[in-house]
PDB file of N, CA and C in Angstrom:
ATOM      1  N   UNK A   1     -32.394  32.799   1.937  1.00  0.00           N
ATOM      2  CA  UNK A   1     -31.036  33.078   1.794  1.00  0.00           C
ATOM      3  C   UNK A   1     -30.310  31.771   2.171  1.00  0.00           C
ATOM      4  N   UNK A   2     -29.250  31.422   1.376  1.00  0.00           N
ATOM      5  CA  UNK A   2     -28.480  30.155   1.619  1.00  0.00           C
ATOM      6  C   UNK A   2     -27.501  30.455   2.802  1.00  0.00           C
ATOM      7  N   UNK A   3     -27.419  29.474   3.623  1.00  0.00           N
ATOM      8  CA  UNK A   3     -26.437  29.550   4.788  1.00  0.00           C
ATOM      9  C   UNK A   3     -24.998  29.447   4.251  1.00  0.00           C
ATOM     10  N   UNK A   4     -24.154  30.168   4.866  1.00  0.00           N
ATOM     11  CA  UNK A   4     -22.663  30.027   4.491  1.00  0.00           C
ATOM     12  C   UNK A   4     -21.958  29.560   5.760  1.00  0.00           C
ATOM     13  N   UNK A   5     -21.104  28.461   5.594  1.00  0.00           N
ATOM     14  CA  UNK A   5     -20.455  27.836   6.619  1.00  0.00           C
ATOM     15  C   UNK A   5     -18.980  28.044   6.425  1.00  0.00           C
ATOM     16  N   UNK A   6     -18.281  28.532   7.551  1.00  0.00           N
ATOM     17  CA  UNK A   6     -16.905  28.662   7.527  1.00  0.00           C
ATOM     18  C   UNK A   6     -16.338  27.553   8.283  1.00  0.00           C
ATOM     19  N   UNK A   7     -15.299  26.912   7.800  1.00  0.00           N
ATOM     20  CA  UNK A   7     -14.682  25.732   8.477  1.00  0.00           C
ATOM     21  C   UNK A   7     -13.295  26.164   8.927  1.00  0.00           C
ATOM     22  N   UNK A   8     -13.065  26.031  10.173  1.00  0.00           N
ATOM     23  CA  UNK A   8     -11.707  26.322  10.777  1.00  0.00           C
ATOM     24  C   UNK A   8     -11.054  25.005  11.127  1.00  0.00           C
ATOM     25  N   UNK A   9      -9.836  24.811  10.742  1.00  0.00           N
ATOM     26  CA  UNK A   9      -9.119  23.624  11.084  1.00  0.00           C
ATOM     27  C   UNK A   9      -7.989  24.014  12.066  1.00  0.00           C
ATOM     28  N   UNK A  10      -8.025  23.290  13.216  1.00  0.00           N
ATOM     29  CA  UNK A  10      -6.894  23.501  14.172  1.00  0.00           C
ATOM     30  C   UNK A  10      -5.772  22.529  13.803  1.00  0.00           C
ATOM     31  N   UNK A  11      -4.621  22.675  14.426  1.00  0.00           N
ATOM     32  CA  UNK A  11      -3.489  21.802  14.211  1.00  0.00           C
ATOM     33  C   UNK A  11      -3.927  20.392  14.427  1.00  0.00           C
ATOM     34  N   UNK A  12      -4.687  20.139  15.532  1.00  0.00           N
ATOM     35  CA  UNK A  12      -5.122  18.764  15.786  1.00  0.00           C
ATOM     36  C   UNK A  12      -6.066  18.222  14.698  1.00  0.00           C
ATOM     37  N   UNK A  13      -6.869  19.110  14.170  1.00  0.00           N
ATOM     38  CA  UNK A  13      -7.707  18.652  13.005  1.00  0.00           C
ATOM     39  C   UNK A  13      -6.864  18.220  11.806  1.00  0.00           C
ATOM     40  N   UNK A  14      -5.842  19.055  11.542  1.00  0.00           N
ATOM     41  CA  UNK A  14      -4.959  18.627  10.448  1.00  0.00           C
ATOM     42  C   UNK A  14      -4.269  17.396  10.734  1.00  0.00           C
ATOM     43  N   UNK A  15      -3.717  17.210  11.946  1.00  0.00           N
ATOM     44  CA  UNK A  15      -2.996  16.009  12.297  1.00  0.00           C
ATOM     45  C   UNK A  15      -3.912  14.792  12.090  1.00  0.00           C
ATOM     46  N   UNK A  16      -5.206  14.898  12.455  1.00  0.00           N
ATOM     47  CA  UNK A  16      -6.151  13.784  12.384  1.00  0.00           C
ATOM     48  C   UNK A  16      -6.429  13.348  10.977  1.00  0.00           C
ATOM     49  N   UNK A  17      -6.095  14.299   9.959  1.00  0.00           N
ATOM     50  CA  UNK A  17      -6.328  13.800   8.582  1.00  0.00           C
ATOM     51  C   UNK A  17      -5.375  12.774   8.098  1.00  0.00           C
ATOM     52  N   UNK A  18      -4.208  12.700   8.790  1.00  0.00           N
ATOM     53  CA  UNK A  18      -3.182  11.673   8.486  1.00  0.00           C
ATOM     54  C   UNK A  18      -2.490  11.995   7.163  1.00  0.00           C
ATOM     55  N   UNK A  19      -2.342  13.195   6.779  1.00  0.00           N
ATOM     56  CA  UNK A  19      -1.626  13.615   5.622  1.00  0.00           C
ATOM     57  C   UNK A  19      -0.247  13.208   5.712  1.00  0.00           C
ATOM     58  N   UNK A  20       0.284  12.463   4.695  1.00  0.00           N
ATOM     59  CA  UNK A  20       1.657  11.948   4.702  1.00  0.00           C
ATOM     60  C   UNK A  20       2.616  12.890   3.985  1.00  0.00           C
ATOM     61  N   UNK A  21       3.887  12.707   4.181  1.00  0.00           N
ATOM     62  CA  UNK A  21       4.894  13.476   3.395  1.00  0.00           C
ATOM     63  C   UNK A  21       4.676  13.291   1.923  1.00  0.00           C
ATOM     64  N   UNK A  22       4.341  12.045   1.478  1.00  0.00           N
ATOM     65  CA  UNK A  22       4.069  11.765   0.107  1.00  0.00           C
ATOM     66  C   UNK A  22       2.921  12.553  -0.443  1.00  0.00           C
ATOM     67  N   UNK A  23       1.860  12.665   0.393  1.00  0.00           N
ATOM     68  CA  UNK A  23       0.671  13.488   0.015  1.00  0.00           C
ATOM     69  C   UNK A  23       1.122  14.944  -0.240  1.00  0.00           C
ATOM     70  N   UNK A  24       1.901  15.479   0.659  1.00  0.00           N
ATOM     71  CA  UNK A  24       2.308  16.881   0.509  1.00  0.00           C
ATOM     72  C   UNK A  24       3.149  17.061  -0.647  1.00  0.00           C
ATOM     73  N   UNK A  25       4.184  16.172  -0.899  1.00  0.00           N
ATOM     74  CA  UNK A  25       5.056  16.301  -2.056  1.00  0.00           C
ATOM     75  C   UNK A  25       4.188  16.116  -3.395  1.00  0.00           C
ATOM     76  N   UNK A  26       3.290  15.253  -3.358  1.00  0.00           N
ATOM     77  CA  UNK A  26       2.435  15.024  -4.575  1.00  0.00           C
ATOM     78  C   UNK A  26       1.592  16.258  -4.841  1.00  0.00           C
ATOM     79  N   UNK A  27       1.012  16.869  -3.818  1.00  0.00           N
ATOM     80  CA  UNK A  27       0.202  18.113  -4.017  1.00  0.00           C
ATOM     81  C   UNK A  27       1.023  19.294  -4.547  1.00  0.00           C
ATOM     82  N   UNK A  28       2.255  19.421  -3.996  1.00  0.00           N
ATOM     83  CA  UNK A  28       3.179  20.414  -4.446  1.00  0.00           C
ATOM     84  C   UNK A  28       3.602  20.159  -5.905  1.00  0.00           C
ATOM     85  N   UNK A  29       3.861  18.937  -6.243  1.00  0.00           N
ATOM     86  CA  UNK A  29       4.171  18.648  -7.645  1.00  0.00           C
ATOM     87  C   UNK A  29       3.058  18.974  -8.570  1.00  0.00           C
ATOM     88  N   UNK A  30       1.827  18.636  -8.147  1.00  0.00           N
ATOM     89  CA  UNK A  30       0.612  18.889  -8.957  1.00  0.00           C
ATOM     90  C   UNK A  30       0.510  20.421  -9.197  1.00  0.00           C
ATOM     91  N   UNK A  31       0.681  21.202  -8.197  1.00  0.00           N
ATOM     92  CA  UNK A  31       0.507  22.694  -8.373  1.00  0.00           C
ATOM     93  C   UNK A  31       1.658  23.227  -9.150  1.00  0.00           C
ATOM     94  N   UNK A  32       2.879  22.748  -8.987  1.00  0.00           N
ATOM     95  CA  UNK A  32       3.995  23.170  -9.880  1.00  0.00           C
ATOM     96  C   UNK A  32       3.759  22.849 -11.303  1.00  0.00           C
ATOM     97  N   UNK A  33       3.201  21.777 -11.574  1.00  0.00           N
ATOM     98  CA  UNK A  33       2.947  21.336 -12.931  1.00  0.00           C
ATOM     99  C   UNK A  33       1.860  22.238 -13.433  1.00  0.00           C
ATOM    100  N   UNK A  34       0.778  22.592 -12.707  1.00  0.00           N
ATOM    101  CA  UNK A  34      -0.272  23.486 -13.171  1.00  0.00           C
ATOM    102  C   UNK A  34       0.340  24.804 -13.385  1.00  0.00           C
ATOM    103  N   UNK A  35       1.268  25.300 -12.556  1.00  0.00           N
ATOM    104  CA  UNK A  35       1.978  26.586 -12.742  1.00  0.00           C
ATOM    105  C   UNK A  35       2.694  26.536 -14.057  1.00  0.00           C
ATOM    106  N   UNK A  36       3.338  25.521 -14.369  1.00  0.00           N
ATOM    107  CA  UNK A  36       4.077  25.313 -15.628  1.00  0.00           C
ATOM    108  C   UNK A  36       3.140  25.461 -16.870  1.00  0.00           C
ATOM    109  N   UNK A  37       1.945  24.990 -16.736  1.00  0.00           N
ATOM    110  CA  UNK A  37       0.954  25.053 -17.775  1.00  0.00           C
ATOM    111  C   UNK A  37       0.181  26.370 -17.826  1.00  0.00           C
ATOM    112  N   UNK A  38       0.542  27.311 -16.906  1.00  0.00           N
ATOM    113  CA  UNK A  38      -0.092  28.603 -16.869  1.00  0.00           C
ATOM    114  C   UNK A  38      -1.494  28.598 -16.236  1.00  0.00           C
ATOM    115  N   UNK A  39      -1.713  27.540 -15.327  1.00  0.00           N
ATOM    116  CA  UNK A  39      -3.028  27.442 -14.738  1.00  0.00           C
ATOM    117  C   UNK A  39      -3.056  27.924 -13.274  1.00  0.00           C
ATOM    118  N   UNK A  40      -2.048  28.719 -12.928  1.00  0.00           N
ATOM    119  CA  UNK A  40      -1.942  29.227 -11.503  1.00  0.00           C
ATOM    120  C   UNK A  40      -1.753  30.770 -11.558  1.00  0.00           C
ATOM    121  N   UNK A  41      -2.508  31.474 -10.880  1.00  0.00           N
ATOM    122  CA  UNK A  41      -2.291  32.913 -10.736  1.00  0.00           C
ATOM    123  C   UNK A  41      -1.649  33.117  -9.357  1.00  0.00           C
ATOM    124  N   UNK A  42      -0.436  33.718  -9.398  1.00  0.00           N
ATOM    125  CA  UNK A  42       0.289  33.957  -8.163  1.00  0.00           C
ATOM    126  C   UNK A  42       0.749  35.405  -8.265  1.00  0.00           C
ATOM    127  N   UNK A  43       0.088  36.302  -7.514  1.00  0.00           N
ATOM    128  CA  UNK A  43       0.427  37.693  -7.512  1.00  0.00           C
ATOM    129  C   UNK A  43       1.593  37.989  -6.631  1.00  0.00           C
ATOM    130  N   UNK A  44       2.348  39.025  -6.989  1.00  0.00           N
ATOM    131  CA  UNK A  44       3.490  39.467  -6.122  1.00  0.00           C
ATOM    132  C   UNK A  44       3.018  39.730  -4.639  1.00  0.00           C
ATOM    133  N   UNK A  45       3.817  39.316  -3.768  1.00  0.00           N
ATOM    134  CA  UNK A  45       3.517  39.523  -2.325  1.00  0.00           C
ATOM    135  C   UNK A  45       3.448  40.987  -1.980  1.00  0.00           C
ATOM    136  N   UNK A  46       2.652  41.374  -1.051  1.00  0.00           N
ATOM    137  CA  UNK A  46       2.656  42.752  -0.610  1.00  0.00           C
ATOM    138  C   UNK A  46       3.077  42.778   0.820  1.00  0.00           C
ATOM    139  N   UNK A  47       3.477  43.880   1.278  1.00  0.00           N
ATOM    140  CA  UNK A  47       3.935  44.032   2.682  1.00  0.00           C
ATOM    141  C   UNK A  47       3.154  45.035   3.401  1.00  0.00           C
ATOM    142  N   UNK A  48       2.736  44.746   4.627  1.00  0.00           N
ATOM    143  CA  UNK A  48       2.143  45.735   5.456  1.00  0.00           C
ATOM    144  C   UNK A  48       3.130  45.964   6.595  1.00  0.00           C
ATOM    145  N   UNK A  49       3.659  47.103   6.662  1.00  0.00           N
ATOM    146  CA  UNK A  49       4.706  47.461   7.666  1.00  0.00           C
ATOM    147  C   UNK A  49       4.159  48.431   8.720  1.00  0.00           C
ATOM    148  N   UNK A  50       3.778  47.883   9.897  1.00  0.00           N
ATOM    149  CA  UNK A  50       3.351  48.786  10.944  1.00  0.00           C
ATOM    150  C   UNK A  50       4.475  49.686  11.461  1.00  0.00           C
ATOM    151  N   UNK A  51       4.024  50.792  12.053  1.00  0.00           N
ATOM    152  CA  UNK A  51       5.058  51.746  12.632  1.00  0.00           C
ATOM    153  C   UNK A  51       5.526  51.185  13.972  1.00  0.00           C
ATOM    154  N   UNK A  52       6.552  50.210  13.902  1.00  0.00           N
ATOM    155  CA  UNK A  52       7.010  49.563  15.106  1.00  0.00           C
ATOM    156  C   UNK A  52       8.490  49.591  15.229  1.00  0.00           C
ATOM    157  N   UNK A  53       9.121  50.559  14.528  1.00  0.00           N
ATOM    158  CA  UNK A  53      10.577  50.659  14.644  1.00  0.00           C
ATOM    159  C   UNK A  53      11.345  49.555  13.964  1.00  0.00           C
ATOM    160  N   UNK A  54      10.844  48.899  12.943  1.00  0.00           N
ATOM    161  CA  UNK A  54      11.535  47.854  12.256  1.00  0.00           C
ATOM    162  C   UNK A  54      11.439  46.468  12.940  1.00  0.00           C
ATOM    163  N   UNK A  55      10.556  46.298  13.869  1.00  0.00           N
ATOM    164  CA  UNK A  55      10.510  44.981  14.575  1.00  0.00           C
ATOM    165  C   UNK A  55       9.758  43.906  13.837  1.00  0.00           C
ATOM    166  N   UNK A  56       9.123  44.224  12.776  1.00  0.00           N
ATOM    167  CA  UNK A  56       8.495  43.260  11.949  1.00  0.00           C
ATOM    168  C   UNK A  56       7.472  43.776  10.980  1.00  0.00           C
ATOM    169  N   UNK A  57       6.869  42.946  10.176  1.00  0.00           N
ATOM    170  CA  UNK A  57       5.941  43.305   9.164  1.00  0.00           C
ATOM    171  C   UNK A  57       5.076  42.057   8.867  1.00  0.00           C
ATOM    172  N   UNK A  58       4.052  42.262   7.999  1.00  0.00           N
ATOM    173  CA  UNK A  58       3.201  41.150   7.511  1.00  0.00           C
ATOM    174  C   UNK A  58       3.476  41.097   6.057  1.00  0.00           C
ATOM    175  N   UNK A  59       3.442  39.809   5.528  1.00  0.00           N
ATOM    176  CA  UNK A  59       3.557  39.560   4.047  1.00  0.00           C
ATOM    177  C   UNK A  59       2.133  39.017   3.776  1.00  0.00           C
ATOM    178  N   UNK A  60       1.571  39.505   2.675  1.00  0.00           N
ATOM    179  CA  UNK A  60       0.285  39.125   2.189  1.00  0.00           C
ATOM    180  C   UNK A  60       0.468  38.454   0.839  1.00  0.00           C
ATOM    181  N   UNK A  61       0.186  37.114   0.711  1.00  0.00           N
ATOM    182  CA  UNK A  61       0.400  36.418  -0.434  1.00  0.00           C
ATOM    183  C   UNK A  61      -0.968  35.945  -0.989  1.00  0.00           C
ATOM    184  N   UNK A  62      -1.175  36.135  -2.345  1.00  0.00           N
ATOM    185  CA  UNK A  62      -2.486  35.773  -2.908  1.00  0.00           C
ATOM    186  C   UNK A  62      -2.262  34.892  -4.104  1.00  0.00           C
ATOM    187  N   UNK A  63      -3.208  33.895  -4.255  1.00  0.00           N
ATOM    188  CA  UNK A  63      -3.052  32.949  -5.431  1.00  0.00           C
ATOM    189  C   UNK A  63      -4.398  32.378  -5.797  1.00  0.00           C
ATOM    190  N   UNK A  64      -4.323  31.733  -6.981  1.00  0.00           N
ATOM    191  CA  UNK A  64      -5.507  31.027  -7.464  1.00  0.00           C
ATOM    192  C   UNK A  64      -5.094  29.755  -8.169  1.00  0.00           C
ATOM    193  N   UNK A  65      -5.695  28.588  -7.985  1.00  0.00           N
ATOM    194  CA  UNK A  65      -5.387  27.414  -8.683  1.00  0.00           C
ATOM    195  C   UNK A  65      -6.628  27.109  -9.619  1.00  0.00           C
ATOM    196  N   UNK A  66      -6.380  27.364 -10.897  1.00  0.00           N
ATOM    197  CA  UNK A  66      -7.531  27.193 -11.884  1.00  0.00           C
ATOM    198  C   UNK A  66      -8.097  25.737 -11.837  1.00  0.00           C
ATOM    199  N   UNK A  67      -7.205  24.778 -11.890  1.00  0.00           N
ATOM    200  CA  UNK A  67      -7.691  23.340 -11.957  1.00  0.00           C
ATOM    201  C   UNK A  67      -8.565  22.985 -10.823  1.00  0.00           C
ATOM    202  N   UNK A  68      -8.380  23.456  -9.617  1.00  0.00           N
ATOM    203  CA  UNK A  68      -9.143  23.153  -8.511  1.00  0.00           C
ATOM    204  C   UNK A  68     -10.186  24.222  -8.195  1.00  0.00           C
ATOM    205  N   UNK A  69     -10.105  25.356  -8.903  1.00  0.00           N
ATOM    206  CA  UNK A  69     -11.070  26.523  -8.704  1.00  0.00           C
ATOM    207  C   UNK A  69     -11.133  26.906  -7.287  1.00  0.00           C
ATOM    208  N   UNK A  70      -9.939  27.095  -6.715  1.00  0.00           N
ATOM    209  CA  UNK A  70      -9.748  27.556  -5.323  1.00  0.00           C
ATOM    210  C   UNK A  70      -8.800  28.745  -5.314  1.00  0.00           C
ATOM    211  N   UNK A  71      -9.149  29.690  -4.474  1.00  0.00           N
ATOM    212  CA  UNK A  71      -8.252  30.884  -4.338  1.00  0.00           C
ATOM    213  C   UNK A  71      -7.923  30.954  -2.845  1.00  0.00           C
ATOM    214  N   UNK A  72      -6.805  31.700  -2.577  1.00  0.00           N
ATOM    215  CA  UNK A  72      -6.357  31.821  -1.174  1.00  0.00           C
ATOM    216  C   UNK A  72      -5.587  32.995  -0.941  1.00  0.00           C
ATOM    217  N   UNK A  73      -5.574  33.350   0.357  1.00  0.00           N
ATOM    218  CA  UNK A  73      -4.776  34.439   0.894  1.00  0.00           C
ATOM    219  C   UNK A  73      -4.013  33.882   2.041  1.00  0.00           C
ATOM    220  N   UNK A  74      -2.725  34.149   2.198  1.00  0.00           N
ATOM    221  CA  UNK A  74      -1.957  33.755   3.284  1.00  0.00           C
ATOM    222  C   UNK A  74      -1.329  34.975   3.882  1.00  0.00           C
ATOM    223  N   UNK A  75      -1.489  35.180   5.109  1.00  0.00           N
ATOM    224  CA  UNK A  75      -0.939  36.370   5.833  1.00  0.00           C
ATOM    225  C   UNK A  75       0.069  35.807   6.782  1.00  0.00           C
ATOM    226  N   UNK A  76       1.321  36.330   6.645  1.00  0.00           N
ATOM    227  CA  UNK A  76       2.424  35.909   7.520  1.00  0.00           C
ATOM    228  C   UNK A  76       2.844  37.040   8.302  1.00  0.00           C
ATOM    229  N   UNK A  77       2.901  36.879   9.613  1.00  0.00           N
ATOM    230  CA  UNK A  77       3.477  37.860  10.501  1.00  0.00           C
ATOM    231  C   UNK A  77       4.896  37.554  10.789  1.00  0.00           C
ATOM    232  N   UNK A  78       5.818  38.361  10.340  1.00  0.00           N
ATOM    233  CA  UNK A  78       7.229  38.172  10.490  1.00  0.00           C
ATOM    234  C   UNK A  78       7.789  39.289  11.350  1.00  0.00           C
ATOM    235  N   UNK A  79       7.869  38.893  12.694  1.00  0.00           N
ATOM    236  CA  UNK A  79       8.292  39.779  13.738  1.00  0.00           C
ATOM    237  C   UNK A  79       9.464  39.205  14.485  1.00  0.00           C
ATOM    238  N   UNK A  80      10.534  39.978  14.621  1.00  0.00           N
ATOM    239  CA  UNK A  80      11.785  39.539  15.140  1.00  0.00           C
ATOM    240  C   UNK A  80      11.667  38.910  16.534  1.00  0.00           C
ATOM    241  N   UNK A  81      10.887  39.565  17.384  1.00  0.00           N
ATOM    242  CA  UNK A  81      10.720  39.018  18.769  1.00  0.00           C
ATOM    243  C   UNK A  81       9.978  37.726  18.947  1.00  0.00           C
ATOM    244  N   UNK A  82       9.239  37.259  17.913  1.00  0.00           N
ATOM    245  CA  UNK A  82       8.384  36.070  18.031  1.00  0.00           C
ATOM    246  C   UNK A  82       9.251  34.846  18.341  1.00  0.00           C
ATOM    247  N   UNK A  83      10.519  34.806  17.939  1.00  0.00           N
ATOM    248  CA  UNK A  83      11.299  33.485  18.154  1.00  0.00           C
ATOM    249  C   UNK A  83      11.367  33.224  19.652  1.00  0.00           C
ATOM    250  N   UNK A  84      11.185  34.239  20.497  1.00  0.00           N
ATOM    251  CA  UNK A  84      11.254  33.958  21.944  1.00  0.00           C
ATOM    252  C   UNK A  84      10.044  33.252  22.459  1.00  0.00           C
ATOM    253  N   UNK A  85       8.944  33.274  21.689  1.00  0.00           N
ATOM    254  CA  UNK A  85       7.750  32.583  22.121  1.00  0.00           C
ATOM    255  C   UNK A  85       7.609  31.269  21.315  1.00  0.00           C
ATOM    256  N   UNK A  86       7.854  31.299  20.035  1.00  0.00           N
ATOM    257  CA  UNK A  86       7.654  30.126  19.179  1.00  0.00           C
ATOM    258  C   UNK A  86       8.482  30.111  17.987  1.00  0.00           C
ATOM    259  N   UNK A  87       8.118  31.034  17.006  1.00  0.00           N
ATOM    260  CA  UNK A  87       8.875  31.128  15.742  1.00  0.00           C
ATOM    261  C   UNK A  87       8.756  32.617  15.299  1.00  0.00           C
ATOM    262  N   UNK A  88       9.576  32.991  14.345  1.00  0.00           N
ATOM    263  CA  UNK A  88       9.507  34.348  13.878  1.00  0.00           C
ATOM    264  C   UNK A  88       8.384  34.571  12.970  1.00  0.00           C
ATOM    265  N   UNK A  89       7.932  33.471  12.216  1.00  0.00           N
ATOM    266  CA  UNK A  89       6.914  33.581  11.297  1.00  0.00           C
ATOM    267  C   UNK A  89       5.667  32.857  11.796  1.00  0.00           C
ATOM    268  N   UNK A  90       4.558  33.588  11.875  1.00  0.00           N
ATOM    269  CA  UNK A  90       3.196  32.975  12.210  1.00  0.00           C
ATOM    270  C   UNK A  90       2.281  33.328  11.098  1.00  0.00           C
ATOM    271  N   UNK A  91       1.599  32.289  10.505  1.00  0.00           N
ATOM    272  CA  UNK A  91       0.789  32.485   9.328  1.00  0.00           C
ATOM    273  C   UNK A  91      -0.641  32.053   9.595  1.00  0.00           C
ATOM    274  N   UNK A  92      -1.516  32.667   8.713  1.00  0.00           N
ATOM    275  CA  UNK A  92      -2.896  32.256   8.621  1.00  0.00           C
ATOM    276  C   UNK A  92      -3.244  32.080   7.211  1.00  0.00           C
ATOM    277  N   UNK A  93      -3.790  31.019   6.745  1.00  0.00           N
ATOM    278  CA  UNK A  93      -4.083  30.783   5.370  1.00  0.00           C
ATOM    279  C   UNK A  93      -5.671  30.685   5.269  1.00  0.00           C
ATOM    280  N   UNK A  94      -6.223  31.259   4.208  1.00  0.00           N
ATOM    281  CA  UNK A  94      -7.655  31.355   3.954  1.00  0.00           C
ATOM    282  C   UNK A  94      -7.845  30.728   2.559  1.00  0.00           C
ATOM    283  N   UNK A  95      -8.413  29.636   2.417  1.00  0.00           N
ATOM    284  CA  UNK A  95      -8.756  29.063   1.097  1.00  0.00           C
ATOM    285  C   UNK A  95     -10.204  29.165   0.862  1.00  0.00           C
ATOM    286  N   UNK A  96     -10.548  29.568  -0.394  1.00  0.00           N
ATOM    287  CA  UNK A  96     -11.881  29.868  -0.750  1.00  0.00           C
ATOM    288  C   UNK A  96     -12.198  29.205  -2.065  1.00  0.00           C
ATOM    289  N   UNK A  97     -13.281  28.403  -2.184  1.00  0.00           N
ATOM    290  CA  UNK A  97     -13.733  27.902  -3.481  1.00  0.00           C
ATOM    291  C   UNK A  97     -14.128  29.052  -4.303  1.00  0.00           C
ATOM    292  N   UNK A  98     -13.654  29.015  -5.517  1.00  0.00           N
ATOM    293  CA  UNK A  98     -13.968  30.139  -6.487  1.00  0.00           C
ATOM    294  C   UNK A  98     -15.379  30.081  -7.067  1.00  0.00           C
ATOM    295  N   UNK A  99     -16.104  29.025  -6.732  1.00  0.00           N
ATOM    296  CA  UNK A  99     -17.512  28.945  -7.198  1.00  0.00           C
ATOM    297  C   UNK A  99     -18.334  28.151  -6.187  1.00  0.00           C
ATOM    298  N   UNK A 100     -19.602  28.437  -6.176  1.00  0.00           N
ATOM    299  CA  UNK A 100     -20.447  27.674  -5.295  1.00  0.00           C
ATOM    300  C   UNK A 100     -20.819  26.289  -5.825  1.00  0.00           C
ATOM    301  N   UNK A 101     -20.860  25.338  -5.019  1.00  0.00           N
ATOM    302  CA  UNK A 101     -21.165  23.962  -5.483  1.00  0.00           C
ATOM    303  C   UNK A 101     -22.676  23.869  -5.850  1.00  0.00           C
ATOM    304  N   UNK A 102     -23.171  22.881  -6.553  1.00  0.00           N
ATOM    305  CA  UNK A 102     -24.513  22.753  -6.897  1.00  0.00           C
ATOM    306  C   UNK A 102     -25.368  22.570  -5.645  1.00  0.00           C
ATOM    307  N   UNK A 103     -24.791  21.896  -4.646  1.00  0.00           N
ATOM    308  CA  UNK A 103     -25.510  21.544  -3.392  1.00  0.00           C
ATOM    309  C   UNK A 103     -25.536  22.733  -2.466  1.00  0.00           C
ATOM    310  N   UNK A 104     -25.046  23.864  -2.800  1.00  0.00           N
ATOM    311  CA  UNK A 104     -25.031  25.021  -1.908  1.00  0.00           C
ATOM    312  C   UNK A 104     -23.594  25.558  -1.949  1.00  0.00           C
ATOM    313  N   UNK A 105     -23.322  26.511  -1.095  1.00  0.00           N
ATOM    314  CA  UNK A 105     -22.005  27.099  -1.024  1.00  0.00           C
ATOM    315  C   UNK A 105     -20.918  26.116  -0.665  1.00  0.00           C
ATOM    316  N   UNK A 106     -19.911  25.989  -1.410  1.00  0.00           N
ATOM    317  CA  UNK A 106     -18.910  24.935  -1.175  1.00  0.00           C
ATOM    318  C   UNK A 106     -18.226  25.035   0.126  1.00  0.00           C
ATOM    319  N   UNK A 107     -18.214  24.036   0.866  1.00  0.00           N
ATOM    320  CA  UNK A 107     -17.503  23.953   2.136  1.00  0.00           C
ATOM    321  C   UNK A 107     -16.407  22.863   2.239  1.00  0.00           C
ATOM    322  N   UNK A 108     -16.193  22.195   1.153  1.00  0.00           N
ATOM    323  CA  UNK A 108     -15.114  21.229   1.052  1.00  0.00           C
ATOM    324  C   UNK A 108     -14.287  21.388  -0.012  1.00  0.00           C
ATOM    325  N   UNK A 109     -12.978  21.341   0.205  1.00  0.00           N
ATOM    326  CA  UNK A 109     -12.016  21.402  -0.874  1.00  0.00           C
ATOM    327  C   UNK A 109     -11.687  20.024  -1.369  1.00  0.00           C
ATOM    328  N   UNK A 110     -11.585  19.737  -2.644  1.00  0.00           N
ATOM    329  CA  UNK A 110     -11.298  18.458  -3.082  1.00  0.00           C
ATOM    330  C   UNK A 110      -9.861  18.072  -2.649  1.00  0.00           C
ATOM    331  N   UNK A 111      -9.737  16.895  -2.079  1.00  0.00           N
ATOM    332  CA  UNK A 111      -8.415  16.442  -1.627  1.00  0.00           C
ATOM    333  C   UNK A 111      -7.951  15.388  -2.568  1.00  0.00           C
ATOM    334  N   UNK A 112      -6.707  15.456  -2.868  1.00  0.00           N
ATOM    335  CA  UNK A 112      -6.059  14.626  -3.865  1.00  0.00           C
ATOM    336  C   UNK A 112      -6.374  13.164  -3.690  1.00  0.00           C
TER     337      UNK A 112
END
């Protein structure tokens, strides 16, 4: 059986990549252009609303980038009281290669 590796990136890991504002804008422009060409699947967000008296909910966003063959799910916790600790929105994103690489299960996303 092939091993499967999960890679977790902390804020410090992301900072160490040295991604610039220009990198981010370029990546967003590329995805918007792909969306315009019909190469992006972006499903409507869904909501998970716990029984908490209206104090907050989760948004679940799903998408797929055909050009990069990567899919992802982003879960955003939107709770009113969180601003007292940090921010009202706290999110986790999970990006998954849509296919296994020839060298094994893909563990690297192509970076621009």
